[in-house]
Amino acid sequence: MGKLSTHVLDTTQGKPGAGVKVELYAVHAGARTLLKTETTNADGRCTAPLLEGEALQRGQYELVFHAGDYFAAQGVTLPDPRFVDRVTIAFGVASSEQNYHVPLVVTPWSYSTYRGS
């Protein structure tokens, strides 16, 4: 059985994004259901997979990263309103047998992601 994991990398400071609130939603027929809320550890990772085994199902999901709150807590001067605040990554799981690693690489002005394993 597969698993879903994530991590956050703060490329402004060249370090893991520790203390970032992450929300995981399942999306079905346009409706979002909150499945889990986690906070990244000192390595910028969630301590355990967000979903694994039978909990990981085919379908659409969203990860919401509270990046603006993280940068504010780091003492970064941010505009009001924040340019990058809550980062939502919408993605699909095609096979519950595979691993899906969905990281966030972020600055106060940009972000990117990719599918890892």
PDB file of N, CA and C in Angstrom:
ATOM      1  N   MET A   1       0.845  -1.191   0.000  1.00  0.00           N
ATOM      2  CA  MET A   1       0.000   0.000   0.000  1.00  0.00           C
ATOM      3  C   MET A   1       0.882   1.242   0.000  1.00  0.00           C
ATOM      4  N   GLY A   2       0.366   2.304  -0.616  1.00  0.00           N
ATOM      5  CA  GLY A   2       1.115   3.536  -0.742  1.00  0.00           C
ATOM      6  C   GLY A   2       0.942   4.461   0.441  1.00  0.00           C
ATOM      7  N   LYS A   3       1.577   5.615   0.320  1.00  0.00           N
ATOM      8  CA  LYS A   3       1.462   6.630   1.361  1.00  0.00           C
ATOM      9  C   LYS A   3       1.585   8.016   0.747  1.00  0.00           C
ATOM     10  N   LEU A   4       1.097   9.012   1.485  1.00  0.00           N
ATOM     11  CA  LEU A   4       1.190  10.417   1.103  1.00  0.00           C
ATOM     12  C   LEU A   4       2.015  11.135   2.155  1.00  0.00           C
ATOM     13  N   SER A   5       3.030  11.856   1.702  1.00  0.00           N
ATOM     14  CA  SER A   5       3.876  12.623   2.622  1.00  0.00           C
ATOM     15  C   SER A   5       4.177  13.985   2.014  1.00  0.00           C
ATOM     16  N   THR A   6       4.746  14.868   2.846  1.00  0.00           N
ATOM     17  CA  THR A   6       5.098  16.206   2.386  1.00  0.00           C
ATOM     18  C   THR A   6       6.264  16.732   3.206  1.00  0.00           C
ATOM     19  N   HIS A   7       6.862  17.785   2.726  1.00  0.00           N
ATOM     20  CA  HIS A   7       7.801  18.566   3.524  1.00  0.00           C
ATOM     21  C   HIS A   7       7.845  19.976   2.962  1.00  0.00           C
ATOM     22  N   VAL A   8       8.409  20.890   3.749  1.00  0.00           N
ATOM     23  CA  VAL A   8       8.490  22.296   3.361  1.00  0.00           C
ATOM     24  C   VAL A   8       9.949  22.718   3.403  1.00  0.00           C
ATOM     25  N   LEU A   9      10.394  23.381   2.327  1.00  0.00           N
ATOM     26  CA  LEU A   9      11.740  23.941   2.258  1.00  0.00           C
ATOM     27  C   LEU A   9      11.636  25.447   2.058  1.00  0.00           C
ATOM     28  N   ASP A  10      12.214  26.198   2.984  1.00  0.00           N
ATOM     29  CA  ASP A  10      12.260  27.661   2.934  1.00  0.00           C
ATOM     30  C   ASP A  10      13.533  28.036   2.172  1.00  0.00           C
ATOM     31  N   THR A  11      13.398  28.374   0.902  1.00  0.00           N
ATOM     32  CA  THR A  11      14.584  28.672   0.103  1.00  0.00           C
ATOM     33  C   THR A  11      15.089  30.095   0.327  1.00  0.00           C
ATOM     34  N   THR A  12      14.336  30.932   1.020  1.00  0.00           N
ATOM     35  CA  THR A  12      14.832  32.253   1.385  1.00  0.00           C
ATOM     36  C   THR A  12      15.988  32.113   2.367  1.00  0.00           C
ATOM     37  N   GLN A  13      15.812  31.202   3.322  1.00  0.00           N
ATOM     38  CA  GLN A  13      16.817  31.011   4.362  1.00  0.00           C
ATOM     39  C   GLN A  13      17.650  29.743   4.150  1.00  0.00           C
ATOM     40  N   GLY A  14      17.296  28.948   3.131  1.00  0.00           N
ATOM     41  CA  GLY A  14      18.033  27.732   2.847  1.00  0.00           C
ATOM     42  C   GLY A  14      17.937  26.708   3.955  1.00  0.00           C
ATOM     43  N   LYS A  15      16.721  26.541   4.490  1.00  0.00           N
ATOM     44  CA  LYS A  15      16.535  25.602   5.597  1.00  0.00           C
ATOM     45  C   LYS A  15      15.142  24.992   5.542  1.00  0.00           C
ATOM     46  N   PRO A  16      14.934  23.913   6.309  1.00  0.00           N
ATOM     47  CA  PRO A  16      13.588  23.334   6.369  1.00  0.00           C
ATOM     48  C   PRO A  16      12.598  24.329   6.960  1.00  0.00           C
ATOM     49  N   GLY A  17      11.366  24.246   6.496  1.00  0.00           N
ATOM     50  CA  GLY A  17      10.289  25.087   7.024  1.00  0.00           C
ATOM     51  C   GLY A  17       9.688  24.428   8.256  1.00  0.00           C
ATOM     52  N   ALA A  18      10.243  24.688   9.411  1.00  0.00           N
ATOM     53  CA  ALA A  18       9.764  24.101  10.668  1.00  0.00           C
ATOM     54  C   ALA A  18       8.610  24.923  11.227  1.00  0.00           C
ATOM     55  N   GLY A  19       7.567  24.247  11.692  1.00  0.00           N
ATOM     56  CA  GLY A  19       6.438  24.927  12.316  1.00  0.00           C
ATOM     57  C   GLY A  19       5.380  25.419  11.349  1.00  0.00           C
ATOM     58  N   VAL A  20       5.334  24.857  10.145  1.00  0.00           N
ATOM     59  CA  VAL A  20       4.327  25.250   9.149  1.00  0.00           C
ATOM     60  C   VAL A  20       3.072  24.403   9.364  1.00  0.00           C
ATOM     61  N   LYS A  21       1.942  25.063   9.516  1.00  0.00           N
ATOM     62  CA  LYS A  21       0.666  24.352   9.612  1.00  0.00           C
ATOM     63  C   LYS A  21       0.292  23.839   8.223  1.00  0.00           C
ATOM     64  N   VAL A  22      -0.092  22.554   8.159  1.00  0.00           N
ATOM     65  CA  VAL A  22      -0.462  21.909   6.899  1.00  0.00           C
ATOM     66  C   VAL A  22      -1.831  21.255   7.086  1.00  0.00           C
ATOM     67  N   GLU A  23      -2.748  21.549   6.175  1.00  0.00           N
ATOM     68  CA  GLU A  23      -4.075  20.922   6.194  1.00  0.00           C
ATOM     69  C   GLU A  23      -4.216  20.044   4.963  1.00  0.00           C
ATOM     70  N   LEU A  24      -4.791  18.864   5.154  1.00  0.00           N
ATOM     71  CA  LEU A  24      -5.053  17.939   4.056  1.00  0.00           C
ATOM     72  C   LEU A  24      -6.555  17.794   3.886  1.00  0.00           C
ATOM     73  N   TYR A  25      -7.024  18.012   2.653  1.00  0.00           N
ATOM     74  CA  TYR A  25      -8.439  17.878   2.318  1.00  0.00           C
ATOM     75  C   TYR A  25      -8.629  16.829   1.239  1.00  0.00           C
ATOM     76  N   ALA A  26      -9.716  16.094   1.317  1.00  0.00           N
ATOM     77  CA  ALA A  26     -10.198  15.278   0.207  1.00  0.00           C
ATOM     78  C   ALA A  26     -11.198  16.136  -0.548  1.00  0.00           C
ATOM     79  N   VAL A  27     -11.187  16.047  -1.866  1.00  0.00           N
ATOM     80  CA  VAL A  27     -12.099  16.844  -2.689  1.00  0.00           C
ATOM     81  C   VAL A  27     -12.934  15.894  -3.530  1.00  0.00           C
ATOM     82  N   HIS A  28     -14.254  16.010  -3.401  1.00  0.00           N
ATOM     83  CA  HIS A  28     -15.160  15.161  -4.161  1.00  0.00           C
ATOM     84  C   HIS A  28     -16.372  15.987  -4.566  1.00  0.00           C
ATOM     85  N   ALA A  29     -16.650  16.023  -5.865  1.00  0.00           N
ATOM     86  CA  ALA A  29     -17.797  16.764  -6.414  1.00  0.00           C
ATOM     87  C   ALA A  29     -17.789  18.222  -5.951  1.00  0.00           C
ATOM     88  N   GLY A  30     -16.569  18.808  -5.895  1.00  0.00           N
ATOM     89  CA  GLY A  30     -16.435  20.213  -5.535  1.00  0.00           C
ATOM     90  C   GLY A  30     -16.462  20.499  -4.046  1.00  0.00           C
ATOM     91  N   ALA A  31     -16.734  19.505  -3.225  1.00  0.00           N
ATOM     92  CA  ALA A  31     -16.779  19.696  -1.777  1.00  0.00           C
ATOM     93  C   ALA A  31     -15.462  19.244  -1.154  1.00  0.00           C
ATOM     94  N   ARG A  32     -14.973  20.015  -0.197  1.00  0.00           N
ATOM     95  CA  ARG A  32     -13.733  19.691   0.504  1.00  0.00           C
ATOM     96  C   ARG A  32     -14.048  19.136   1.891  1.00  0.00           C
ATOM     97  N   THR A  33     -13.346  18.074   2.266  1.00  0.00           N
ATOM     98  CA  THR A  33     -13.473  17.488   3.593  1.00  0.00           C
ATOM     99  C   THR A  33     -12.101  17.489   4.251  1.00  0.00           C
ATOM    100  N   LEU A  34     -11.988  18.149   5.387  1.00  0.00           N
ATOM    101  CA  LEU A  34     -10.715  18.183   6.105  1.00  0.00           C
ATOM    102  C   LEU A  34     -10.419  16.800   6.664  1.00  0.00           C
ATOM    103  N   LEU A  35      -9.269  16.241   6.294  1.00  0.00           N
ATOM    104  CA  LEU A  35      -8.867  14.925   6.753  1.00  0.00           C
ATOM    105  C   LEU A  35      -7.870  14.991   7.907  1.00  0.00           C
ATOM    106  N   LYS A  36      -7.004  16.003   7.865  1.00  0.00           N
ATOM    107  CA  LYS A  36      -5.928  16.046   8.855  1.00  0.00           C
ATOM    108  C   LYS A  36      -5.304  17.429   8.891  1.00  0.00           C
ATOM    109  N   THR A  37      -4.859  17.827  10.072  1.00  0.00           N
ATOM    110  CA  THR A  37      -4.073  19.042  10.258  1.00  0.00           C
ATOM    111  C   THR A  37      -2.798  18.649  10.989  1.00  0.00           C
ATOM    112  N   GLU A  38      -1.668  19.070  10.456  1.00  0.00           N
ATOM    113  CA  GLU A  38      -0.362  18.752  11.043  1.00  0.00           C
ATOM    114  C   GLU A  38       0.479  20.021  11.085  1.00  0.00           C
ATOM    115  N   THR A  39       1.576  19.958  11.813  1.00  0.00           N
ATOM    116  CA  THR A  39       2.578  21.024  11.835  1.00  0.00           C
ATOM    117  C   THR A  39       3.924  20.382  11.552  1.00  0.00           C
ATOM    118  N   THR A  40       4.694  20.990  10.656  1.00  0.00           N
ATOM    119  CA  THR A  40       5.977  20.407  10.291  1.00  0.00           C
ATOM    120  C   THR A  40       6.961  20.461  11.458  1.00  0.00           C
ATOM    121  N   ASN A  41       7.828  19.436  11.517  1.00  0.00           N
ATOM    122  CA  ASN A  41       8.824  19.343  12.582  1.00  0.00           C
ATOM    123  C   ASN A  41      10.079  20.133  12.222  1.00  0.00           C
ATOM    124  N   ALA A  42      11.139  19.982  13.004  1.00  0.00           N
ATOM    125  CA  ALA A  42      12.383  20.726  12.792  1.00  0.00           C
ATOM    126  C   ALA A  42      13.017  20.443  11.441  1.00  0.00           C
ATOM    127  N   ASP A  43      12.696  19.295  10.845  1.00  0.00           N
ATOM    128  CA  ASP A  43      13.220  18.940   9.526  1.00  0.00           C
ATOM    129  C   ASP A  43      12.280  19.386   8.403  1.00  0.00           C
ATOM    130  N   GLY A  44      11.211  20.120   8.746  1.00  0.00           N
ATOM    131  CA  GLY A  44      10.260  20.596   7.747  1.00  0.00           C
ATOM    132  C   GLY A  44       9.301  19.528   7.264  1.00  0.00           C
ATOM    133  N   ARG A  45       9.236  18.406   7.982  1.00  0.00           N
ATOM    134  CA  ARG A  45       8.402  17.272   7.571  1.00  0.00           C
ATOM    135  C   ARG A  45       7.311  17.028   8.597  1.00  0.00           C
ATOM    136  N   CYS A  46       6.260  16.378   8.163  1.00  0.00           N
ATOM    137  CA  CYS A  46       5.263  15.871   9.092  1.00  0.00           C
ATOM    138  C   CYS A  46       5.844  14.592   9.676  1.00  0.00           C
ATOM    139  N   THR A  47       5.635  14.362  10.945  1.00  0.00           N
ATOM    140  CA  THR A  47       6.261  13.242  11.646  1.00  0.00           C
ATOM    141  C   THR A  47       5.910  11.890  11.034  1.00  0.00           C
ATOM    142  N   ALA A  48       4.674  11.742  10.590  1.00  0.00           N
ATOM    143  CA  ALA A  48       4.209  10.479   9.989  1.00  0.00           C
ATOM    144  C   ALA A  48       3.573  10.798   8.642  1.00  0.00           C
ATOM    145  N   PRO A  49       3.386   9.790   7.794  1.00  0.00           N
ATOM    146  CA  PRO A  49       2.668  10.040   6.539  1.00  0.00           C
ATOM    147  C   PRO A  49       1.291  10.657   6.809  1.00  0.00           C
ATOM    148  N   LEU A  50       0.856  11.516   5.901  1.00  0.00           N
ATOM    149  CA  LEU A  50      -0.468  12.129   6.042  1.00  0.00           C
ATOM    150  C   LEU A  50      -1.567  11.099   5.828  1.00  0.00           C
ATOM    151  N   LEU A  51      -1.352  10.204   4.886  1.00  0.00           N
ATOM    152  CA  LEU A  51      -2.245   9.069   4.637  1.00  0.00           C
ATOM    153  C   LEU A  51      -1.372   7.877   4.285  1.00  0.00           C
ATOM    154  N   GLU A  52      -1.809   6.692   4.680  1.00  0.00           N
ATOM    155  CA  GLU A  52      -1.086   5.485   4.276  1.00  0.00           C
ATOM    156  C   GLU A  52      -2.024   4.297   4.353  1.00  0.00           C
ATOM    157  N   GLY A  53      -1.623   3.243   3.648  1.00  0.00           N
ATOM    158  CA  GLY A  53      -2.418   2.026   3.643  1.00  0.00           C
ATOM    159  C   GLY A  53      -3.799   2.269   3.059  1.00  0.00           C
ATOM    160  N   GLU A  54      -4.800   1.726   3.703  1.00  0.00           N
ATOM    161  CA  GLU A  54      -6.176   1.833   3.204  1.00  0.00           C
ATOM    162  C   GLU A  54      -6.725   3.258   3.256  1.00  0.00           C
ATOM    163  N   ALA A  55      -6.122   4.111   4.065  1.00  0.00           N
ATOM    164  CA  ALA A  55      -6.584   5.502   4.152  1.00  0.00           C
ATOM    165  C   ALA A  55      -6.270   6.286   2.872  1.00  0.00           C
ATOM    166  N   LEU A  56      -5.243   5.860   2.130  1.00  0.00           N
ATOM    167  CA  LEU A  56      -4.898   6.517   0.866  1.00  0.00           C
ATOM    168  C   LEU A  56      -5.757   5.919  -0.237  1.00  0.00           C
ATOM    169  N   GLN A  57      -6.660   6.723  -0.749  1.00  0.00           N
ATOM    170  CA  GLN A  57      -7.592   6.295  -1.795  1.00  0.00           C
ATOM    171  C   GLN A  57      -7.339   7.081  -3.079  1.00  0.00           C
ATOM    172  N   ARG A  58      -7.718   6.484  -4.199  1.00  0.00           N
ATOM    173  CA  ARG A  58      -7.698   7.231  -5.469  1.00  0.00           C
ATOM    174  C   ARG A  58      -8.607   8.441  -5.317  1.00  0.00           C
ATOM    175  N   GLY A  59      -8.224   9.538  -5.940  1.00  0.00           N
ATOM    176  CA  GLY A  59      -9.090  10.710  -5.902  1.00  0.00           C
ATOM    177  C   GLY A  59      -8.319  12.010  -5.873  1.00  0.00           C
ATOM    178  N   GLN A  60      -9.059  13.078  -5.645  1.00  0.00           N
ATOM    179  CA  GLN A  60      -8.509  14.430  -5.632  1.00  0.00           C
ATOM    180  C   GLN A  60      -8.293  14.876  -4.189  1.00  0.00           C
ATOM    181  N   TYR A  61      -7.177  15.579  -3.981  1.00  0.00           N
ATOM    182  CA  TYR A  61      -6.805  16.073  -2.662  1.00  0.00           C
ATOM    183  C   TYR A  61      -6.276  17.495  -2.778  1.00  0.00           C
ATOM    184  N   GLU A  62      -6.232  18.172  -1.653  1.00  0.00           N
ATOM    185  CA  GLU A  62      -5.582  19.478  -1.560  1.00  0.00           C
ATOM    186  C   GLU A  62      -4.750  19.521  -0.286  1.00  0.00           C
ATOM    187  N   LEU A  63      -3.553  20.048  -0.418  1.00  0.00           N
ATOM    188  CA  LEU A  63      -2.730  20.391   0.730  1.00  0.00           C
ATOM    189  C   LEU A  63      -2.727  21.907   0.842  1.00  0.00           C
ATOM    190  N   VAL A  64      -2.984  22.423   2.031  1.00  0.00           N
ATOM    191  CA  VAL A  64      -2.952  23.866   2.275  1.00  0.00           C
ATOM    192  C   VAL A  64      -1.847  24.135   3.288  1.00  0.00           C
ATOM    193  N   PHE A  65      -0.858  24.901   2.866  1.00  0.00           N
ATOM    194  CA  PHE A  65       0.284  25.256   3.699  1.00  0.00           C
ATOM    195  C   PHE A  65       0.118  26.708   4.165  1.00  0.00           C
ATOM    196  N   HIS A  66       0.234  26.952   5.450  1.00  0.00           N
ATOM    197  CA  HIS A  66       0.093  28.299   6.013  1.00  0.00           C
ATOM    198  C   HIS A  66       1.463  28.987   5.989  1.00  0.00           C
ATOM    199  N   ALA A  67       1.928  29.283   4.788  1.00  0.00           N
ATOM    200  CA  ALA A  67       3.273  29.817   4.584  1.00  0.00           C
ATOM    201  C   ALA A  67       3.413  31.245   5.098  1.00  0.00           C
ATOM    202  N   GLY A  68       2.403  32.065   4.922  1.00  0.00           N
ATOM    203  CA  GLY A  68       2.473  33.449   5.389  1.00  0.00           C
ATOM    204  C   GLY A  68       2.663  33.524   6.897  1.00  0.00           C
ATOM    205  N   ASP A  69       1.936  32.696   7.626  1.00  0.00           N
ATOM    206  CA  ASP A  69       2.095  32.660   9.088  1.00  0.00           C
ATOM    207  C   ASP A  69       3.500  32.208   9.473  1.00  0.00           C
ATOM    208  N   TYR A  70       4.032  31.242   8.730  1.00  0.00           N
ATOM    209  CA  TYR A  70       5.397  30.769   8.975  1.00  0.00           C
ATOM    210  C   TYR A  70       6.394  31.908   8.797  1.00  0.00           C
ATOM    211  N   PHE A  71       6.325  32.625   7.662  1.00  0.00           N
ATOM    212  CA  PHE A  71       7.285  33.705   7.421  1.00  0.00           C
ATOM    213  C   PHE A  71       7.127  34.831   8.434  1.00  0.00           C
ATOM    214  N   ALA A  72       5.903  35.151   8.819  1.00  0.00           N
ATOM    215  CA  ALA A  72       5.683  36.175   9.853  1.00  0.00           C
ATOM    216  C   ALA A  72       6.343  35.753  11.167  1.00  0.00           C
ATOM    217  N   ALA A  73       6.215  34.477  11.537  1.00  0.00           N
ATOM    218  CA  ALA A  73       6.827  33.970  12.771  1.00  0.00           C
ATOM    219  C   ALA A  73       8.352  33.987  12.694  1.00  0.00           C
ATOM    220  N   GLN A  74       8.910  33.944  11.467  1.00  0.00           N
ATOM    221  CA  GLN A  74      10.359  34.009  11.266  1.00  0.00           C
ATOM    222  C   GLN A  74      10.874  35.441  11.333  1.00  0.00           C
ATOM    223  N   GLY A  75       9.967  36.409  11.463  1.00  0.00           N
ATOM    224  CA  GLY A  75      10.364  37.811  11.523  1.00  0.00           C
ATOM    225  C   GLY A  75      10.555  38.460  10.171  1.00  0.00           C
ATOM    226  N   VAL A  76      10.084  37.806   9.115  1.00  0.00           N
ATOM    227  CA  VAL A  76      10.192  38.355   7.773  1.00  0.00           C
ATOM    228  C   VAL A  76       9.173  39.484   7.612  1.00  0.00           C
ATOM    229  N   THR A  77       9.622  40.631   7.110  1.00  0.00           N
ATOM    230  CA  THR A  77       8.718  41.742   6.844  1.00  0.00           C
ATOM    231  C   THR A  77       7.900  41.404   5.609  1.00  0.00           C
ATOM    232  N   LEU A  78       6.584  41.362   5.780  1.00  0.00           N
ATOM    233  CA  LEU A  78       5.678  40.967   4.699  1.00  0.00           C
ATOM    234  C   LEU A  78       4.740  42.120   4.374  1.00  0.00           C
ATOM    235  N   PRO A  79       4.341  42.231   3.114  1.00  0.00           N
ATOM    236  CA  PRO A  79       3.364  43.264   2.762  1.00  0.00           C
ATOM    237  C   PRO A  79       1.984  42.912   3.310  1.00  0.00           C
ATOM    238  N   ASP A  80       1.113  43.903   3.359  1.00  0.00           N
ATOM    239  CA  ASP A  80      -0.271  43.680   3.783  1.00  0.00           C
ATOM    240  C   ASP A  80      -1.173  44.108   2.644  1.00  0.00           C
ATOM    241  N   PRO A  81      -1.847  43.164   1.983  1.00  0.00           N
ATOM    242  CA  PRO A  81      -1.890  41.735   2.279  1.00  0.00           C
ATOM    243  C   PRO A  81      -0.626  41.022   1.806  1.00  0.00           C
ATOM    244  N   ARG A  82      -0.414  39.843   2.355  1.00  0.00           N
ATOM    245  CA  ARG A  82       0.745  39.021   2.006  1.00  0.00           C
ATOM    246  C   ARG A  82       0.628  38.549   0.557  1.00  0.00           C
ATOM    247  N   PHE A  83       1.758  38.539  -0.155  1.00  0.00           N
ATOM    248  CA  PHE A  83       1.732  38.041  -1.530  1.00  0.00           C
ATOM    249  C   PHE A  83       1.542  36.527  -1.540  1.00  0.00           C
ATOM    250  N   VAL A  84       2.382  35.797  -0.802  1.00  0.00           N
ATOM    251  CA  VAL A  84       2.198  34.350  -0.601  1.00  0.00           C
ATOM    252  C   VAL A  84       1.708  34.184   0.823  1.00  0.00           C
ATOM    253  N   ASP A  85       0.510  33.627   0.967  1.00  0.00           N
ATOM    254  CA  ASP A  85      -0.055  33.452   2.295  1.00  0.00           C
ATOM    255  C   ASP A  85      -0.363  31.975   2.517  1.00  0.00           C
ATOM    256  N   ARG A  86      -1.532  31.550   2.126  1.00  0.00           N
ATOM    257  CA  ARG A  86      -1.859  30.128   2.183  1.00  0.00           C
ATOM    258  C   ARG A  86      -1.653  29.543   0.795  1.00  0.00           C
ATOM    259  N   VAL A  87      -0.800  28.544   0.721  1.00  0.00           N
ATOM    260  CA  VAL A  87      -0.485  27.899  -0.554  1.00  0.00           C
ATOM    261  C   VAL A  87      -1.307  26.618  -0.643  1.00  0.00           C
ATOM    262  N   THR A  88      -2.149  26.546  -1.671  1.00  0.00           N
ATOM    263  CA  THR A  88      -2.971  25.360  -1.900  1.00  0.00           C
ATOM    264  C   THR A  88      -2.426  24.594  -3.086  1.00  0.00           C
ATOM    265  N   ILE A  89      -2.116  23.327  -2.853  1.00  0.00           N
ATOM    266  CA  ILE A  89      -1.664  22.451  -3.924  1.00  0.00           C
ATOM    267  C   ILE A  89      -2.750  21.405  -4.135  1.00  0.00           C
ATOM    268  N   ALA A  90      -3.394  21.463  -5.291  1.00  0.00           N
ATOM    269  CA  ALA A  90      -4.436  20.491  -5.658  1.00  0.00           C
ATOM    270  C   ALA A  90      -3.776  19.420  -6.510  1.00  0.00           C
ATOM    271  N   PHE A  91      -4.015  18.156  -6.152  1.00  0.00           N
ATOM    272  CA  PHE A  91      -3.374  17.057  -6.867  1.00  0.00           C
ATOM    273  C   PHE A  91      -4.267  15.822  -6.827  1.00  0.00           C
ATOM    274  N   GLY A  92      -3.955  14.888  -7.702  1.00  0.00           N
ATOM    275  CA  GLY A  92      -4.721  13.648  -7.770  1.00  0.00           C
ATOM    276  C   GLY A  92      -3.873  12.442  -7.442  1.00  0.00           C
ATOM    277  N   VAL A  93      -4.513  11.467  -6.823  1.00  0.00           N
ATOM    278  CA  VAL A  93      -3.887  10.176  -6.544  1.00  0.00           C
ATOM    279  C   VAL A  93      -4.526   9.172  -7.491  1.00  0.00           C
ATOM    280  N   ALA A  94      -3.746   8.677  -8.433  1.00  0.00           N
ATOM    281  CA  ALA A  94      -4.266   7.744  -9.432  1.00  0.00           C
ATOM    282  C   ALA A  94      -4.171   6.294  -8.978  1.00  0.00           C
ATOM    283  N   SER A  95      -3.217   6.012  -8.081  1.00  0.00           N
ATOM    284  CA  SER A  95      -3.026   4.635  -7.610  1.00  0.00           C
ATOM    285  C   SER A  95      -2.699   4.644  -6.125  1.00  0.00           C
ATOM    286  N   SER A  96      -3.538   4.004  -5.340  1.00  0.00           N
ATOM    287  CA  SER A  96      -3.304   3.941  -3.902  1.00  0.00           C
ATOM    288  C   SER A  96      -2.152   3.007  -3.549  1.00  0.00           C
ATOM    289  N   GLU A  97      -1.593   2.340  -4.545  1.00  0.00           N
ATOM    290  CA  GLU A  97      -0.461   1.436  -4.329  1.00  0.00           C
ATOM    291  C   GLU A  97       0.876   2.169  -4.383  1.00  0.00           C
ATOM    292  N   GLN A  98       0.872   3.411  -4.844  1.00  0.00           N
ATOM    293  CA  GLN A  98       2.110   4.159  -5.024  1.00  0.00           C
ATOM    294  C   GLN A  98       2.307   5.161  -3.891  1.00  0.00           C
ATOM    295  N   ASN A  99       3.551   5.623  -3.753  1.00  0.00           N
ATOM    296  CA  ASN A  99       3.859   6.690  -2.808  1.00  0.00           C
ATOM    297  C   ASN A  99       3.737   8.027  -3.514  1.00  0.00           C
ATOM    298  N   TYR A 100       3.161   8.985  -2.816  1.00  0.00           N
ATOM    299  CA  TYR A 100       3.022  10.350  -3.316  1.00  0.00           C
ATOM    300  C   TYR A 100       3.665  11.276  -2.292  1.00  0.00           C
ATOM    301  N   HIS A 101       4.754  11.909  -2.694  1.00  0.00           N
ATOM    302  CA  HIS A 101       5.416  12.897  -1.847  1.00  0.00           C
ATOM    303  C   HIS A 101       5.213  14.242  -2.520  1.00  0.00           C
ATOM    304  N   VAL A 102       4.533  15.161  -1.835  1.00  0.00           N
ATOM    305  CA  VAL A 102       4.159  16.450  -2.419  1.00  0.00           C
ATOM    306  C   VAL A 102       4.785  17.561  -1.574  1.00  0.00           C
ATOM    307  N   PRO A 103       6.020  17.954  -1.894  1.00  0.00           N
ATOM    308  CA  PRO A 103       6.698  18.973  -1.099  1.00  0.00           C
ATOM    309  C   PRO A 103       6.348  20.392  -1.552  1.00  0.00           C
ATOM    310  N   LEU A 104       6.640  21.342  -0.672  1.00  0.00           N
ATOM    311  CA  LEU A 104       6.489  22.760  -0.986  1.00  0.00           C
ATOM    312  C   LEU A 104       7.850  23.419  -0.837  1.00  0.00           C
ATOM    313  N   VAL A 105       8.290  24.070  -1.900  1.00  0.00           N
ATOM    314  CA  VAL A 105       9.495  24.893  -1.891  1.00  0.00           C
ATOM    315  C   VAL A 105       8.994  26.323  -1.953  1.00  0.00           C
ATOM    316  N   VAL A 106       9.326  27.147  -0.939  1.00  0.00           N
ATOM    317  CA  VAL A 106       8.600  28.410  -0.797  1.00  0.00           C
ATOM    318  C   VAL A 106       9.492  29.560  -0.337  1.00  0.00           C
ATOM    319  N   THR A 107       9.130  30.757  -0.789  1.00  0.00           N
ATOM    320  CA  THR A 107       9.660  32.038  -0.305  1.00  0.00           C
ATOM    321  C   THR A 107       8.442  32.932  -0.080  1.00  0.00           C
ATOM    322  N   PRO A 108       8.629  34.116   0.471  1.00  0.00           N
ATOM    323  CA  PRO A 108       7.475  35.024   0.596  1.00  0.00           C
ATOM    324  C   PRO A 108       6.934  35.508  -0.753  1.00  0.00           C
ATOM    325  N   TRP A 109       7.678  35.227  -1.851  1.00  0.00           N
ATOM    326  CA  TRP A 109       7.303  35.744  -3.169  1.00  0.00           C
ATOM    327  C   TRP A 109       7.049  34.678  -4.220  1.00  0.00           C
ATOM    328  N   SER A 110       7.312  33.408  -3.887  1.00  0.00           N
ATOM    329  CA  SER A 110       7.137  32.359  -4.888  1.00  0.00           C
ATOM    330  C   SER A 110       7.050  31.000  -4.205  1.00  0.00           C
ATOM    331  N   TYR A 111       6.558  30.017  -4.975  1.00  0.00           N
ATOM    332  CA  TYR A 111       6.549  28.642  -4.486  1.00  0.00           C
ATOM    333  C   TYR A 111       6.497  27.689  -5.667  1.00  0.00           C
ATOM    334  N   SER A 112       6.911  26.454  -5.399  1.00  0.00           N
ATOM    335  CA  SER A 112       6.800  25.393  -6.402  1.00  0.00           C
ATOM    336  C   SER A 112       6.644  24.061  -5.694  1.00  0.00           C
ATOM    337  N   THR A 113       6.280  23.057  -6.473  1.00  0.00           N
ATOM    338  CA  THR A 113       6.118  21.721  -5.957  1.00  0.00           C
ATOM    339  C   THR A 113       6.499  20.737  -7.050  1.00  0.00           C
ATOM    340  N   TYR A 114       6.523  19.481  -6.697  1.00  0.00           N
ATOM    341  CA  TYR A 114       6.772  18.408  -7.653  1.00  0.00           C
ATOM    342  C   TYR A 114       6.266  17.118  -7.011  1.00  0.00           C
ATOM    343  N   ARG A 115       6.181  16.071  -7.798  1.00  0.00           N
ATOM    344  CA  ARG A 115       5.822  14.784  -7.230  1.00  0.00           C
ATOM    345  C   ARG A 115       7.091  13.993  -6.954  1.00  0.00           C
ATOM    346  N   GLY A 116       7.331  13.725  -5.708  1.00  0.00           N
ATOM    347  CA  GLY A 116       8.438  12.879  -5.307  1.00  0.00           C
ATOM    348  C   GLY A 116       7.909  11.487  -5.002  1.00  0.00           C
ATOM    349  N   SER A 117       8.750  10.654  -4.436  1.00  0.00           N
ATOM    350  CA  SER A 117       8.324   9.295  -4.129  1.00  0.00           C
ATOM    351  C   SER A 117       8.535   8.984  -2.653  1.00  0.00           C
TER     352      SER A 117
END
